[in-house]
């Protein structure tokens, strides 16, 4: 069995690159007031998008595209788990 930590990171115009390293079931939530684009896919305000298959550790870089000319809030949150892997102990 694995233990894990649940983490949520916030991204915006100033921080628009997601660098995943062993993230499990990362999910993007558009918490802003404008549409964000992820690899050409529009994610509207209040919508979510799963960034990887269930149970798979995801690594890689994703660039978010926000509408820079908007005076509205540009923000997304990504929630994911990081696993703490335990090694079985061997009897002495």
Protein backbone atom coordinates (compact mmCIF):
# COMPACT_ATOMS: atom_id res chain seq x y z
CA UNK A 1 0.00 0.00 0.00
CA UNK A 2 1.13 3.54 -0.69
CA UNK A 3 0.71 6.70 1.31
CA UNK A 4 0.37 10.01 -0.47
CA UNK A 5 0.12 13.75 -0.11
CA UNK A 6 -2.69 15.77 -1.67
CA UNK A 7 -1.46 19.02 -3.22
CA UNK A 8 -3.11 21.94 -5.03
CA UNK A 9 -1.05 24.43 -7.06
CA UNK A 10 -2.32 27.71 -8.55
CA UNK A 11 -1.38 28.90 -12.05
CA UNK A 12 -2.01 32.25 -13.76
CA UNK A 13 -0.52 34.60 -16.36
CA UNK A 14 2.61 34.96 -14.22
CA UNK A 15 2.97 31.20 -13.71
CA UNK A 16 1.55 29.49 -16.81
CA UNK A 17 3.75 26.39 -17.15
CA UNK A 18 2.80 23.18 -15.34
CA UNK A 19 5.80 20.94 -14.58
CA UNK A 20 4.52 17.56 -13.48
CA UNK A 21 6.83 15.07 -11.76
CA UNK A 22 5.19 11.82 -10.68
CA UNK A 23 1.78 13.45 -10.16
CA UNK A 24 -1.08 10.99 -9.73
CA UNK A 25 -4.49 11.89 -11.20
CA UNK A 26 -3.76 15.59 -11.76
CA UNK A 27 -6.93 17.56 -12.44
CA UNK A 28 -7.11 21.16 -13.63
CA UNK A 29 -9.91 23.40 -12.36
CA UNK A 30 -10.53 26.74 -14.07
CA UNK A 31 -11.22 28.95 -11.05
CA UNK A 32 -10.85 32.14 -13.06
CA UNK A 33 -13.33 34.25 -14.99
CA UNK A 34 -11.89 33.61 -18.48
CA UNK A 35 -11.29 30.62 -20.74
CA UNK A 36 -7.87 28.95 -20.53
CA UNK A 37 -6.42 26.88 -23.39
CA UNK A 38 -4.56 23.65 -22.81
CA UNK A 39 -2.97 22.28 -26.00
CA UNK A 40 -5.70 24.01 -28.00
CA UNK A 41 -8.51 22.71 -25.80
CA UNK A 42 -10.73 25.44 -24.34
CA UNK A 43 -11.55 25.05 -20.66
CA UNK A 44 -14.19 27.51 -19.59
CA UNK A 45 -14.61 29.16 -16.19
CA UNK A 46 -15.87 26.63 -13.66
CA UNK A 47 -14.88 23.64 -15.83
CA UNK A 48 -12.31 20.96 -15.03
CA UNK A 49 -10.00 18.77 -17.11
CA UNK A 50 -8.26 15.54 -16.05
CA UNK A 51 -4.57 15.68 -17.05
CA UNK A 52 -3.82 11.96 -16.95
CA UNK A 53 -5.27 8.48 -16.63
CA UNK A 54 -6.34 7.14 -13.25
CA UNK A 55 -3.60 5.53 -11.18
CA UNK A 56 -0.70 6.61 -13.44
CA UNK A 57 2.20 8.78 -12.29
CA UNK A 58 2.36 11.65 -14.77
CA UNK A 59 5.51 13.61 -15.65
CA UNK A 60 5.91 16.32 -18.25
CA UNK A 61 5.37 19.97 -19.06
CA UNK A 62 2.13 21.64 -20.09
CA UNK A 63 1.81 25.28 -21.16
CA UNK A 64 -1.40 27.12 -20.40
CA UNK A 65 -2.61 29.96 -22.63
CA UNK A 66 -4.60 32.69 -20.95
CA UNK A 67 -6.26 35.69 -22.56
CA UNK A 68 -3.64 38.31 -21.75
CA UNK A 69 -5.79 41.29 -22.70
CA UNK A 70 -8.57 40.37 -20.29
CA UNK A 71 -9.10 42.49 -17.17
CA UNK A 72 -10.89 39.51 -15.63
CA UNK A 73 -9.24 37.00 -13.29
CA UNK A 74 -7.06 34.42 -15.10
CA UNK A 75 -6.46 31.48 -12.76
CA UNK A 76 -6.50 27.70 -12.65
CA UNK A 77 -5.80 25.27 -9.85
CA UNK A 78 -4.32 21.81 -10.35
CA UNK A 79 -4.88 19.20 -7.65
CA UNK A 80 -2.89 15.96 -7.57
CA UNK A 81 -1.40 13.33 -5.28
CA UNK A 82 2.26 12.56 -4.72
CA UNK A 83 2.90 9.01 -3.56
CA UNK A 84 5.22 8.13 -0.73
CA UNK A 85 6.57 4.75 -1.71
CA UNK A 86 7.41 2.37 1.06
CA UNK A 87 9.85 -0.48 0.59
CA UNK A 88 9.03 -3.82 2.15
CA UNK A 89 11.31 -4.74 5.01
CA UNK A 90 13.14 -8.02 4.95
CA UNK A 91 13.31 -10.12 8.13
CA UNK A 92 16.72 -10.52 9.69
